[in-house]
Amino acid sequence: TEPDLIIADEPTTALDVTIQAQILKLLKRLAKERGVSVLLTTHDLGTA
């Protein structure tokens, strides 16, 4: 929908560490390329 903001609530819950890293890298790249802000909710300080 070409949003200005994505709210990501614990987007890597229940995924193993390798897949978590891939998802976070993908989300960060796409957000930067498209100029989208991401509001991330997480309990994982490493993810933050």
PDB file of all heavy atoms in Angstrom:
ATOM      1  N   THR A   1       0.816  -1.225   0.000  1.00  0.00           N
ATOM      2  CA  THR A   1       0.000   0.000   0.000  1.00  0.00           C
ATOM      3  C   THR A   1       0.847   1.272   0.000  1.00  0.00           C
ATOM      4  O   THR A   1       0.313   2.377   0.108  1.00  0.00           O
ATOM      5  CB  THR A   1      -0.925   0.021   1.231  1.00  0.00           C
ATOM      6  OG1 THR A   1      -0.131  -0.059   2.420  1.00  0.00           O
ATOM      7  CG2 THR A   1      -1.885  -1.170   1.196  1.00  0.00           C
ATOM      8  N   GLU A   2       2.167   1.111  -0.095  1.00  0.00           N
ATOM      9  CA  GLU A   2       3.104   2.235  -0.109  1.00  0.00           C
ATOM     10  C   GLU A   2       2.894   3.163   1.092  1.00  0.00           C
ATOM     11  O   GLU A   2       2.649   4.367   0.955  1.00  0.00           O
ATOM     12  CB  GLU A   2       2.984   3.020  -1.418  1.00  0.00           C
ATOM     13  CG  GLU A   2       3.278   2.167  -2.642  1.00  0.00           C
ATOM     14  CD  GLU A   2       3.233   2.958  -3.937  1.00  0.00           C
ATOM     15  OE1 GLU A   2       2.864   4.160  -3.873  1.00  0.00           O
ATOM     16  OE2 GLU A   2       3.566   2.402  -4.985  1.00  0.00           O
ATOM     17  N   PRO A   3       3.013   2.611   2.310  1.00  0.00           N
ATOM     18  CA  PRO A   3       2.770   3.416   3.517  1.00  0.00           C
ATOM     19  C   PRO A   3       3.948   4.329   3.838  1.00  0.00           C
ATOM     20  O   PRO A   3       5.055   4.158   3.320  1.00  0.00           O
ATOM     21  CB  PRO A   3       2.613   2.343   4.600  1.00  0.00           C
ATOM     22  CG  PRO A   3       3.546   1.257   4.140  1.00  0.00           C
ATOM     23  CD  PRO A   3       3.418   1.237   2.640  1.00  0.00           C
ATOM     24  N   ASP A   4       3.697   5.316   4.688  1.00  0.00           N
ATOM     25  CA  ASP A   4       4.771   6.152   5.228  1.00  0.00           C
ATOM     26  C   ASP A   4       5.330   5.538   6.503  1.00  0.00           C
ATOM     27  O   ASP A   4       6.452   5.846   6.898  1.00  0.00           O
ATOM     28  CB  ASP A   4       4.247   7.561   5.529  1.00  0.00           C
ATOM     29  CG  ASP A   4       3.831   8.302   4.264  1.00  0.00           C
ATOM     30  OD1 ASP A   4       4.537   8.176   3.243  1.00  0.00           O
ATOM     31  OD2 ASP A   4       2.794   8.991   4.295  1.00  0.00           O
ATOM     32  N   LEU A   5       4.522   4.695   7.171  1.00  0.00           N
ATOM     33  CA  LEU A   5       4.910   4.113   8.449  1.00  0.00           C
ATOM     34  C   LEU A   5       4.460   2.662   8.531  1.00  0.00           C
ATOM     35  O   LEU A   5       3.328   2.343   8.169  1.00  0.00           O
ATOM     36  CB  LEU A   5       4.282   4.904   9.614  1.00  0.00           C
ATOM     37  CG  LEU A   5       4.424   4.309  11.017  1.00  0.00           C
ATOM     38  CD1 LEU A   5       5.878   4.392  11.479  1.00  0.00           C
ATOM     39  CD2 LEU A   5       3.508   5.024  11.997  1.00  0.00           C
ATOM     40  N   ILE A   6       5.353   1.802   9.002  1.00  0.00           N
ATOM     41  CA  ILE A   6       5.011   0.406   9.291  1.00  0.00           C
ATOM     42  C   ILE A   6       5.176   0.186  10.785  1.00  0.00           C
ATOM     43  O   ILE A   6       6.202   0.546  11.366  1.00  0.00           O
ATOM     44  CB  ILE A   6       5.932  -0.572   8.525  1.00  0.00           C
ATOM     45  CG1 ILE A   6       5.654  -0.505   7.022  1.00  0.00           C
ATOM     46  CG2 ILE A   6       5.726  -2.008   9.024  1.00  0.00           C
ATOM     47  CD1 ILE A   6       6.581  -1.375   6.198  1.00  0.00           C
ATOM     48  N   ILE A   7       4.146  -0.382  11.419  1.00  0.00           N
ATOM     49  CA  ILE A   7       4.244  -0.755  12.832  1.00  0.00           C
ATOM     50  C   ILE A   7       4.546  -2.244  12.900  1.00  0.00           C
ATOM     51  O   ILE A   7       3.728  -3.068  12.469  1.00  0.00           O
ATOM     52  CB  ILE A   7       2.943  -0.429  13.584  1.00  0.00           C
ATOM     53  CG1 ILE A   7       2.662   1.080  13.512  1.00  0.00           C
ATOM     54  CG2 ILE A   7       3.039  -0.876  15.045  1.00  0.00           C
ATOM     55  CD1 ILE A   7       1.354   1.496  14.143  1.00  0.00           C
ATOM     56  N   ALA A   8       5.725  -2.591  13.376  1.00  0.00           N
ATOM     57  CA  ALA A   8       6.174  -3.986  13.436  1.00  0.00           C
ATOM     58  C   ALA A   8       6.209  -4.423  14.900  1.00  0.00           C
ATOM     59  O   ALA A   8       7.074  -4.003  15.661  1.00  0.00           O
ATOM     60  CB  ALA A   8       7.561  -4.120  12.803  1.00  0.00           C
ATOM     61  N   ASP A   9       5.254  -5.257  15.286  1.00  0.00           N
ATOM     62  CA  ASP A   9       5.138  -5.708  16.675  1.00  0.00           C
ATOM     63  C   ASP A   9       5.791  -7.080  16.818  1.00  0.00           C
ATOM     64  O   ASP A   9       5.249  -8.073  16.351  1.00  0.00           O
ATOM     65  CB  ASP A   9       3.660  -5.766  17.070  1.00  0.00           C
ATOM     66  CG  ASP A   9       3.462  -6.049  18.553  1.00  0.00           C
ATOM     67  OD1 ASP A   9       4.474  -6.222  19.268  1.00  0.00           O
ATOM     68  OD2 ASP A   9       2.308  -6.103  18.998  1.00  0.00           O
ATOM     69  N   GLU A  10       6.968  -7.122  17.437  1.00  0.00           N
ATOM     70  CA  GLU A  10       7.731  -8.367  17.619  1.00  0.00           C
ATOM     71  C   GLU A  10       7.811  -9.160  16.303  1.00  0.00           C
ATOM     72  O   GLU A  10       7.359 -10.298  16.223  1.00  0.00           O
ATOM     73  CB  GLU A  10       7.090  -9.224  18.712  1.00  0.00           C
ATOM     74  CG  GLU A  10       7.019  -8.573  20.081  1.00  0.00           C
ATOM     75  CD  GLU A  10       8.360  -8.541  20.796  1.00  0.00           C
ATOM     76  OE1 GLU A  10       9.369  -8.957  20.211  1.00  0.00           O
ATOM     77  OE2 GLU A  10       8.386  -8.080  21.954  1.00  0.00           O
ATOM     78  N   PRO A  11       8.391  -8.579  15.246  1.00  0.00           N
ATOM     79  CA  PRO A  11       8.356  -9.213  13.925  1.00  0.00           C
ATOM     80  C   PRO A  11       9.166 -10.502  13.793  1.00  0.00           C
ATOM     81  O   PRO A  11       9.003 -11.223  12.814  1.00  0.00           O
ATOM     82  CB  PRO A  11       8.920  -8.127  12.998  1.00  0.00           C
ATOM     83  CG  PRO A  11       9.818  -7.323  13.886  1.00  0.00           C
ATOM     84  CD  PRO A  11       9.123  -7.300  15.223  1.00  0.00           C
ATOM     85  N   THR A  12      10.038 -10.797  14.761  1.00  0.00           N
ATOM     86  CA  THR A  12      10.863 -12.013  14.642  1.00  0.00           C
ATOM     87  C   THR A  12      10.548 -13.038  15.724  1.00  0.00           C
ATOM     88  O   THR A  12      11.319 -13.959  15.954  1.00  0.00           O
ATOM     89  CB  THR A  12      12.362 -11.645  14.706  1.00  0.00           C
ATOM     90  OG1 THR A  12      12.635 -10.942  15.924  1.00  0.00           O
ATOM     91  CG2 THR A  12      12.753 -10.760  13.534  1.00  0.00           C
ATOM     92  N   THR A  13       9.403 -12.898  16.387  1.00  0.00           N
ATOM     93  CA  THR A  13       9.009 -13.860  17.415  1.00  0.00           C
ATOM     94  C   THR A  13       8.901 -15.264  16.836  1.00  0.00           C
ATOM     95  O   THR A  13       8.378 -15.465  15.742  1.00  0.00           O
ATOM     96  CB  THR A  13       7.648 -13.461  18.028  1.00  0.00           C
ATOM     97  OG1 THR A  13       7.794 -12.187  18.654  1.00  0.00           O
ATOM     98  CG2 THR A  13       7.195 -14.472  19.068  1.00  0.00           C
ATOM     99  N   ALA A  14       9.407 -16.259  17.569  1.00  0.00           N
ATOM    100  CA  ALA A  14       9.305 -17.689  17.224  1.00  0.00           C
ATOM    101  C   ALA A  14      10.173 -18.089  16.033  1.00  0.00           C
ATOM    102  O   ALA A  14      10.052 -19.203  15.525  1.00  0.00           O
ATOM    103  CB  ALA A  14       7.854 -18.091  16.968  1.00  0.00           C
ATOM    104  N   LEU A  15      11.074 -17.199  15.594  1.00  0.00           N
ATOM    105  CA  LEU A  15      11.985 -17.555  14.510  1.00  0.00           C
ATOM    106  C   LEU A  15      13.373 -17.832  15.099  1.00  0.00           C
ATOM    107  O   LEU A  15      13.760 -17.243  16.108  1.00  0.00           O
ATOM    108  CB  LEU A  15      12.086 -16.405  13.491  1.00  0.00           C
ATOM    109  CG  LEU A  15      10.786 -15.991  12.800  1.00  0.00           C
ATOM    110  CD1 LEU A  15      11.062 -14.824  11.865  1.00  0.00           C
ATOM    111  CD2 LEU A  15      10.171 -17.158  12.034  1.00  0.00           C
ATOM    112  N   ASP A  16      14.121 -18.729  14.442  1.00  0.00           N
ATOM    113  CA  ASP A  16      15.465 -18.993  14.963  1.00  0.00           C
ATOM    114  C   ASP A  16      16.374 -17.802  14.659  1.00  0.00           C
ATOM    115  O   ASP A  16      16.046 -16.917  13.866  1.00  0.00           O
ATOM    116  CB  ASP A  16      16.033 -20.302  14.414  1.00  0.00           C
ATOM    117  CG  ASP A  16      16.291 -20.272  12.912  1.00  0.00           C
ATOM    118  OD1 ASP A  16      16.873 -19.283  12.423  1.00  0.00           O
ATOM    119  OD2 ASP A  16      15.920 -21.236  12.219  1.00  0.00           O
ATOM    120  N   VAL A  17      17.533 -17.785  15.302  1.00  0.00           N
ATOM    121  CA  VAL A  17      18.407 -16.608  15.269  1.00  0.00           C
ATOM    122  C   VAL A  17      18.824 -16.245  13.844  1.00  0.00           C
ATOM    123  O   VAL A  17      18.851 -15.073  13.467  1.00  0.00           O
ATOM    124  CB  VAL A  17      19.654 -16.846  16.144  1.00  0.00           C
ATOM    125  CG1 VAL A  17      20.615 -15.668  16.028  1.00  0.00           C
ATOM    126  CG2 VAL A  17      19.254 -17.054  17.601  1.00  0.00           C
ATOM    127  N   THR A  18      19.139 -17.231  13.035  1.00  0.00           N
ATOM    128  CA  THR A  18      19.575 -16.973  11.662  1.00  0.00           C
ATOM    129  C   THR A  18      18.477 -16.317  10.852  1.00  0.00           C
ATOM    130  O   THR A  18      18.714 -15.332  10.132  1.00  0.00           O
ATOM    131  CB  THR A  18      20.008 -18.285  10.978  1.00  0.00           C
ATOM    132  OG1 THR A  18      21.057 -18.886  11.737  1.00  0.00           O
ATOM    133  CG2 THR A  18      20.494 -18.016   9.561  1.00  0.00           C
ATOM    134  N   ILE A  19      17.261 -16.842  10.962  1.00  0.00           N
ATOM    135  CA  ILE A  19      16.132 -16.287  10.215  1.00  0.00           C
ATOM    136  C   ILE A  19      15.791 -14.896  10.736  1.00  0.00           C
ATOM    137  O   ILE A  19      15.456 -13.989   9.965  1.00  0.00           O
ATOM    138  CB  ILE A  19      14.894 -17.214  10.308  1.00  0.00           C
ATOM    139  CG1 ILE A  19      15.239 -18.594   9.754  1.00  0.00           C
ATOM    140  CG2 ILE A  19      13.724 -16.613   9.539  1.00  0.00           C
ATOM    141  CD1 ILE A  19      15.675 -18.596   8.302  1.00  0.00           C
ATOM    142  N   GLN A  20      15.896 -14.701  12.057  1.00  0.00           N
ATOM    143  CA  GLN A  20      15.654 -13.376  12.631  1.00  0.00           C
ATOM    144  C   GLN A  20      16.557 -12.343  11.970  1.00  0.00           C
ATOM    145  O   GLN A  20      16.107 -11.257  11.579  1.00  0.00           O
ATOM    146  CB  GLN A  20      15.927 -13.392  14.135  1.00  0.00           C
ATOM    147  CG  GLN A  20      14.847 -14.034  14.966  1.00  0.00           C
ATOM    148  CD  GLN A  20      15.149 -13.913  16.454  1.00  0.00           C
ATOM    149  OE1 GLN A  20      15.870 -13.018  16.880  1.00  0.00           O
ATOM    150  NE2 GLN A  20      14.607 -14.820  17.242  1.00  0.00           N
ATOM    151  N   ALA A  21      17.830 -12.656  11.868  1.00  0.00           N
ATOM    152  CA  ALA A  21      18.791 -11.721  11.286  1.00  0.00           C
ATOM    153  C   ALA A  21      18.431 -11.403   9.839  1.00  0.00           C
ATOM    154  O   ALA A  21      18.529 -10.247   9.402  1.00  0.00           O
ATOM    155  CB  ALA A  21      20.204 -12.308  11.371  1.00  0.00           C
ATOM    156  N   GLN A  22      18.013 -12.415   9.093  1.00  0.00           N
ATOM    157  CA  GLN A  22      17.625 -12.203   7.691  1.00  0.00           C
ATOM    158  C   GLN A  22      16.414 -11.288   7.580  1.00  0.00           C
ATOM    159  O   GLN A  22      16.382 -10.383   6.734  1.00  0.00           O
ATOM    160  CB  GLN A  22      17.337 -13.551   7.026  1.00  0.00           C
ATOM    161  CG  GLN A  22      18.547 -14.456   6.878  1.00  0.00           C
ATOM    162  CD  GLN A  22      18.176 -15.822   6.334  1.00  0.00           C
ATOM    163  OE1 GLN A  22      17.007 -16.104   6.050  1.00  0.00           O
ATOM    164  NE2 GLN A  22      19.166 -16.694   6.184  1.00  0.00           N
ATOM    165  N   ILE A  23      15.407 -11.517   8.426  1.00  0.00           N
ATOM    166  CA  ILE A  23      14.188 -10.712   8.383  1.00  0.00           C
ATOM    167  C   ILE A  23      14.483  -9.260   8.753  1.00  0.00           C
ATOM    168  O   ILE A  23      14.005  -8.316   8.106  1.00  0.00           O
ATOM    169  CB  ILE A  23      13.118 -11.296   9.328  1.00  0.00           C
ATOM    170  CG1 ILE A  23      12.682 -12.691   8.855  1.00  0.00           C
ATOM    171  CG2 ILE A  23      11.913 -10.363   9.423  1.00  0.00           C
ATOM    172  CD1 ILE A  23      12.055 -12.729   7.482  1.00  0.00           C
ATOM    173  N   LEU A  24      15.286  -9.057   9.790  1.00  0.00           N
ATOM    174  CA  LEU A  24      15.623  -7.700  10.217  1.00  0.00           C
ATOM    175  C   LEU A  24      16.420  -6.962   9.145  1.00  0.00           C
ATOM    176  O   LEU A  24      16.179  -5.784   8.870  1.00  0.00           O
ATOM    177  CB  LEU A  24      16.417  -7.738  11.520  1.00  0.00           C
ATOM    178  CG  LEU A  24      15.637  -8.177  12.760  1.00  0.00           C
ATOM    179  CD1 LEU A  24      16.572  -8.305  13.948  1.00  0.00           C
ATOM    180  CD2 LEU A  24      14.507  -7.209  13.072  1.00  0.00           C
ATOM    181  N   LYS A  25      17.355  -7.663   8.526  1.00  0.00           N
ATOM    182  CA  LYS A  25      18.155  -7.055   7.461  1.00  0.00           C
ATOM    183  C   LYS A  25      17.263  -6.670   6.287  1.00  0.00           C
ATOM    184  O   LYS A  25      17.407  -5.582   5.696  1.00  0.00           O
ATOM    185  CB  LYS A  25      19.237  -8.041   7.011  1.00  0.00           C
ATOM    186  CG  LYS A  25      20.189  -7.479   5.960  1.00  0.00           C
ATOM    187  CD  LYS A  25      21.266  -8.501   5.613  1.00  0.00           C
ATOM    188  CE  LYS A  25      22.213  -7.949   4.554  1.00  0.00           C
ATOM    189  NZ  LYS A  25      23.280  -8.938   4.202  1.00  0.00           N
ATOM    190  N   LEU A  26      16.324  -7.543   5.928  1.00  0.00           N
ATOM    191  CA  LEU A  26      15.400  -7.271   4.830  1.00  0.00           C
ATOM    192  C   LEU A  26      14.517  -6.070   5.148  1.00  0.00           C
ATOM    193  O   LEU A  26      14.352  -5.165   4.318  1.00  0.00           O
ATOM    194  CB  LEU A  26      14.530  -8.503   4.567  1.00  0.00           C
ATOM    195  CG  LEU A  26      13.404  -8.339   3.537  1.00  0.00           C
ATOM    196  CD1 LEU A  26      13.990  -8.138   2.150  1.00  0.00           C
ATOM    197  CD2 LEU A  26      12.480  -9.556   3.559  1.00  0.00           C
ATOM    198  N   LEU A  27      13.945  -6.050   6.345  1.00  0.00           N
ATOM    199  CA  LEU A  27      13.056  -4.957   6.746  1.00  0.00           C
ATOM    200  C   LEU A  27      13.792  -3.623   6.746  1.00  0.00           C
ATOM    201  O   LEU A  27      13.274  -2.612   6.245  1.00  0.00           O
ATOM    202  CB  LEU A  27      12.475  -5.248   8.136  1.00  0.00           C
ATOM    203  CG  LEU A  27      11.490  -4.232   8.708  1.00  0.00           C
ATOM    204  CD1 LEU A  27      10.279  -4.084   7.795  1.00  0.00           C
ATOM    205  CD2 LEU A  27      11.049  -4.650  10.107  1.00  0.00           C
ATOM    206  N   LYS A  28      15.002  -3.631   7.266  1.00  0.00           N
ATOM    207  CA  LYS A  28      15.789  -2.394   7.323  1.00  0.00           C
ATOM    208  C   LYS A  28      16.133  -1.906   5.919  1.00  0.00           C
ATOM    209  O   LYS A  28      16.033  -0.707   5.626  1.00  0.00           O
ATOM    210  CB  LYS A  28      17.068  -2.641   8.128  1.00  0.00           C
ATOM    211  CG  LYS A  28      17.867  -1.386   8.427  1.00  0.00           C
ATOM    212  CD  LYS A  28      18.997  -1.686   9.395  1.00  0.00           C
ATOM    213  CE  LYS A  28      19.738  -0.419   9.784  1.00  0.00           C
ATOM    214  NZ  LYS A  28      20.810  -0.676  10.778  1.00  0.00           N
ATOM    215  N   ARG A  29      16.514  -2.832   5.029  1.00  0.00           N
ATOM    216  CA  ARG A  29      16.874  -2.444   3.658  1.00  0.00           C
ATOM    217  C   ARG A  29      15.680  -1.880   2.909  1.00  0.00           C
ATOM    218  O   ARG A  29      15.765  -0.818   2.279  1.00  0.00           O
ATOM    219  CB  ARG A  29      17.438  -3.653   2.909  1.00  0.00           C
ATOM    220  CG  ARG A  29      17.763  -3.355   1.441  1.00  0.00           C
ATOM    221  CD  ARG A  29      18.361  -4.551   0.732  1.00  0.00           C
ATOM    222  NE  ARG A  29      17.442  -5.661   0.622  1.00  0.00           N
ATOM    223  CZ  ARG A  29      16.470  -5.743  -0.302  1.00  0.00           C
ATOM    224  NH1 ARG A  29      16.278  -4.742  -1.167  1.00  0.00           N
ATOM    225  NH2 ARG A  29      15.695  -6.805  -0.352  1.00  0.00           N
ATOM    226  N   LEU A  30      14.543  -2.573   2.970  1.00  0.00           N
ATOM    227  CA  LEU A  30      13.363  -2.126   2.239  1.00  0.00           C
ATOM    228  C   LEU A  30      12.847  -0.793   2.769  1.00  0.00           C
ATOM    229  O   LEU A  30      12.407   0.067   1.997  1.00  0.00           O
ATOM    230  CB  LEU A  30      12.268  -3.186   2.310  1.00  0.00           C
ATOM    231  CG  LEU A  30      12.545  -4.480   1.532  1.00  0.00           C
ATOM    232  CD1 LEU A  30      11.431  -5.498   1.767  1.00  0.00           C
ATOM    233  CD2 LEU A  30      12.687  -4.190   0.044  1.00  0.00           C
ATOM    234  N   ALA A  31      12.890  -0.631   4.087  1.00  0.00           N
ATOM    235  CA  ALA A  31      12.425   0.635   4.669  1.00  0.00           C
ATOM    236  C   ALA A  31      13.297   1.791   4.193  1.00  0.00           C
ATOM    237  O   ALA A  31      12.789   2.873   3.860  1.00  0.00           O
ATOM    238  CB  ALA A  31      12.440   0.539   6.187  1.00  0.00           C
ATOM    239  N   LYS A  32      14.610   1.565   4.143  1.00  0.00           N
ATOM    240  CA  LYS A  32      15.526   2.611   3.704  1.00  0.00           C
ATOM    241  C   LYS A  32      15.333   2.921   2.223  1.00  0.00           C
ATOM    242  O   LYS A  32      15.267   4.087   1.833  1.00  0.00           O
ATOM    243  CB  LYS A  32      16.968   2.178   3.969  1.00  0.00           C
ATOM    244  CG  LYS A  32      18.001   3.244   3.638  1.00  0.00           C
ATOM    245  CD  LYS A  32      19.407   2.787   4.011  1.00  0.00           C
ATOM    246  CE  LYS A  32      20.431   3.871   3.715  1.00  0.00           C
ATOM    247  NZ  LYS A  32      21.809   3.445   4.079  1.00  0.00           N
ATOM    248  N   GLU A  33      15.215   1.889   1.394  1.00  0.00           N
ATOM    249  CA  GLU A  33      15.052   2.090  -0.041  1.00  0.00           C
ATOM    250  C   GLU A  33      13.751   2.807  -0.376  1.00  0.00           C
ATOM    251  O   GLU A  33      13.688   3.602  -1.311  1.00  0.00           O
ATOM    252  CB  GLU A  33      15.091   0.735  -0.759  1.00  0.00           C
ATOM    253  CG  GLU A  33      16.457   0.077  -0.755  1.00  0.00           C
ATOM    254  CD  GLU A  33      16.435  -1.301  -1.398  1.00  0.00           C
ATOM    255  OE1 GLU A  33      15.337  -1.795  -1.759  1.00  0.00           O
ATOM    256  OE2 GLU A  33      17.520  -1.897  -1.537  1.00  0.00           O
ATOM    257  N   ARG A  34      12.685   2.538   0.386  1.00  0.00           N
ATOM    258  CA  ARG A  34      11.373   3.101   0.090  1.00  0.00           C
ATOM    259  C   ARG A  34      11.054   4.345   0.913  1.00  0.00           C
ATOM    260  O   ARG A  34       9.972   4.918   0.775  1.00  0.00           O
ATOM    261  CB  ARG A  34      10.295   2.034   0.318  1.00  0.00           C
ATOM    262  CG  ARG A  34      10.365   0.911  -0.697  1.00  0.00           C
ATOM    263  CD  ARG A  34       9.472  -0.255  -0.335  1.00  0.00           C
ATOM    264  NE  ARG A  34       9.377  -1.201  -1.430  1.00  0.00           N
ATOM    265  CZ  ARG A  34       8.402  -1.210  -2.338  1.00  0.00           C
ATOM    266  NH1 ARG A  34       7.425  -0.342  -2.259  1.00  0.00           N
ATOM    267  NH2 ARG A  34       8.393  -2.096  -3.306  1.00  0.00           N
ATOM    268  N   GLY A  35      11.959   4.745   1.801  1.00  0.00           N
ATOM    269  CA  GLY A  35      11.707   5.924   2.608  1.00  0.00           C
ATOM    270  C   GLY A  35      10.573   5.739   3.595  1.00  0.00           C
ATOM    271  O   GLY A  35       9.809   6.671   3.867  1.00  0.00           O
ATOM    272  N   VAL A  36      10.469   4.525   4.148  1.00  0.00           N
ATOM    273  CA  VAL A  36       9.385   4.197   5.079  1.00  0.00           C
ATOM    274  C   VAL A  36       9.934   4.194   6.510  1.00  0.00           C
ATOM    275  O   VAL A  36      11.001   3.644   6.771  1.00  0.00           O
ATOM    276  CB  VAL A  36       8.786   2.809   4.757  1.00  0.00           C
ATOM    277  CG1 VAL A  36       7.695   2.448   5.754  1.00  0.00           C
ATOM    278  CG2 VAL A  36       8.236   2.783   3.343  1.00  0.00           C
ATOM    279  N   SER A  37       9.196   4.805   7.428  1.00  0.00           N
ATOM    280  CA  SER A  37       9.554   4.740   8.842  1.00  0.00           C
ATOM    281  C   SER A  37       9.021   3.446   9.439  1.00  0.00           C
ATOM    282  O   SER A  37       7.960   2.961   9.033  1.00  0.00           O
ATOM    283  CB  SER A  37       8.960   5.929   9.605  1.00  0.00           C
ATOM    284  OG  SER A  37       9.491   7.149   9.115  1.00  0.00           O
ATOM    285  N   VAL A  38       9.758   2.879  10.376  1.00  0.00           N
ATOM    286  CA  VAL A  38       9.339   1.646  11.043  1.00  0.00           C
ATOM    287  C   VAL A  38       9.264   1.892  12.547  1.00  0.00           C
ATOM    288  O   VAL A  38      10.234   2.338  13.157  1.00  0.00           O
ATOM    289  CB  VAL A  38      10.319   0.490  10.759  1.00  0.00           C
ATOM    290  CG1 VAL A  38       9.874  -0.775  11.511  1.00  0.00           C
ATOM    291  CG2 VAL A  38      10.397   0.196   9.266  1.00  0.00           C
ATOM    292  N   LEU A  39       8.095   1.633  13.117  1.00  0.00           N
ATOM    293  CA  LEU A  39       7.921   1.673  14.567  1.00  0.00           C
ATOM    294  C   LEU A  39       7.974   0.234  15.052  1.00  0.00           C
ATOM    295  O   LEU A  39       7.048  -0.540  14.852  1.00  0.00           O
ATOM    296  CB  LEU A  39       6.578   2.311  14.933  1.00  0.00           C
ATOM    297  CG  LEU A  39       6.219   2.344  16.433  1.00  0.00           C
ATOM    298  CD1 LEU A  39       7.266   3.135  17.213  1.00  0.00           C
ATOM    299  CD2 LEU A  39       4.838   2.955  16.630  1.00  0.00           C
ATOM    300  N   LEU A  40       9.086  -0.133  15.670  1.00  0.00           N
ATOM    301  CA  LEU A  40       9.336  -1.513  16.084  1.00  0.00           C
ATOM    302  C   LEU A  40       9.049  -1.687  17.570  1.00  0.00           C
ATOM    303  O   LEU A  40       9.572  -0.950  18.403  1.00  0.00           O
ATOM    304  CB  LEU A  40      10.789  -1.882  15.797  1.00  0.00           C
ATOM    305  CG  LEU A  40      11.262  -3.261  16.268  1.00  0.00           C
ATOM    306  CD1 LEU A  40      10.675  -4.351  15.381  1.00  0.00           C
ATOM    307  CD2 LEU A  40      12.790  -3.339  16.244  1.00  0.00           C
ATOM    308  N   THR A  41       8.200  -2.645  17.893  1.00  0.00           N
ATOM    309  CA  THR A  41       7.946  -3.001  19.286  1.00  0.00           C
ATOM    310  C   THR A  41       8.668  -4.310  19.576  1.00  0.00           C
ATOM    311  O   THR A  41       8.456  -5.299  18.870  1.00  0.00           O
ATOM    312  CB  THR A  41       6.438  -3.186  19.540  1.00  0.00           C
ATOM    313  OG1 THR A  41       5.751  -1.987  19.189  1.00  0.00           O
ATOM    314  CG2 THR A  41       6.177  -3.504  21.006  1.00  0.00           C
ATOM    315  N   THR A  42       9.531  -4.326  20.574  1.00  0.00           N
ATOM    316  CA  THR A  42      10.287  -5.542  20.863  1.00  0.00           C
ATOM    317  C   THR A  42      10.746  -5.565  22.317  1.00  0.00           C
ATOM    318  O   THR A  42      10.909  -4.519  22.953  1.00  0.00           O
ATOM    319  CB  THR A  42      11.513  -5.654  19.937  1.00  0.00           C
ATOM    320  OG1 THR A  42      12.204  -6.882  20.194  1.00  0.00           O
ATOM    321  CG2 THR A  42      12.486  -4.495  20.148  1.00  0.00           C
ATOM    322  N   HIS A  43      10.950  -6.773  22.833  1.00  0.00           N
ATOM    323  CA  HIS A  43      11.573  -6.956  24.145  1.00  0.00           C
ATOM    324  C   HIS A  43      13.054  -7.317  23.982  1.00  0.00           C
ATOM    325  O   HIS A  43      13.770  -7.472  24.968  1.00  0.00           O
ATOM    326  CB  HIS A  43      10.874  -8.080  24.922  1.00  0.00           C
ATOM    327  CG  HIS A  43       9.493  -7.722  25.368  1.00  0.00           C
ATOM    328  ND1 HIS A  43       8.390  -7.857  24.564  1.00  0.00           N
ATOM    329  CD2 HIS A  43       9.043  -7.208  26.528  1.00  0.00           C
ATOM    330  CE1 HIS A  43       7.317  -7.459  25.235  1.00  0.00           C
ATOM    331  NE2 HIS A  43       7.687  -7.059  26.426  1.00  0.00           N
ATOM    332  N   ASP A  44      13.493  -7.470  22.748  1.00  0.00           N
ATOM    333  CA  ASP A  44      14.851  -7.912  22.450  1.00  0.00           C
ATOM    334  C   ASP A  44      15.729  -6.702  22.171  1.00  0.00           C
ATOM    335  O   ASP A  44      15.620  -6.074  21.111  1.00  0.00           O
ATOM    336  CB  ASP A  44      14.813  -8.848  21.225  1.00  0.00           C
ATOM    337  CG  ASP A  44      16.163  -9.478  20.929  1.00  0.00           C
ATOM    338  OD1 ASP A  44      17.198  -8.930  21.355  1.00  0.00           O
ATOM    339  OD2 ASP A  44      16.176 -10.525  20.246  1.00  0.00           O
ATOM    340  N   LEU A  45      16.613  -6.371  23.108  1.00  0.00           N
ATOM    341  CA  LEU A  45      17.467  -5.200  22.937  1.00  0.00           C
ATOM    342  C   LEU A  45      18.468  -5.387  21.798  1.00  0.00           C
ATOM    343  O   LEU A  45      18.885  -4.418  21.169  1.00  0.00           O
ATOM    344  CB  LEU A  45      18.197  -4.888  24.241  1.00  0.00           C
ATOM    345  CG  LEU A  45      17.310  -4.351  25.373  1.00  0.00           C
ATOM    346  CD1 LEU A  45      18.125  -4.184  26.647  1.00  0.00           C
ATOM    347  CD2 LEU A  45      16.680  -3.036  24.978  1.00  0.00           C
ATOM    348  N   GLY A  46      18.851  -6.639  21.532  1.00  0.00           N
ATOM    349  CA  GLY A  46      19.737  -6.898  20.403  1.00  0.00           C
ATOM    350  C   GLY A  46      19.070  -6.534  19.090  1.00  0.00           C
ATOM    351  O   GLY A  46      19.684  -5.948  18.192  1.00  0.00           O
ATOM    352  N   THR A  47      17.791  -6.877  18.967  1.00  0.00           N
ATOM    353  CA  THR A  47      17.016  -6.517  17.775  1.00  0.00           C
ATOM    354  C   THR A  47      16.916  -5.001  17.639  1.00  0.00           C
ATOM    355  O   THR A  47      17.095  -4.447  16.558  1.00  0.00           O
ATOM    356  CB  THR A  47      15.601  -7.125  17.853  1.00  0.00           C
ATOM    357  OG1 THR A  47      15.705  -8.546  17.805  1.00  0.00           O
ATOM    358  CG2 THR A  47      14.725  -6.639  16.722  1.00  0.00           C
ATOM    359  N   ALA A  48      16.639  -4.327  18.755  1.00  0.00           N
ATOM    360  CA  ALA A  48      16.533  -2.872  18.736  1.00  0.00           C
ATOM    361  C   ALA A  48      17.849  -2.241  18.285  1.00  0.00           C
ATOM    362  O   ALA A  48      17.862  -1.280  17.508  1.00  0.00           O
ATOM    363  CB  ALA A  48      16.142  -2.357  20.114  1.00  0.00           C
TER     364      ALA A  48
END
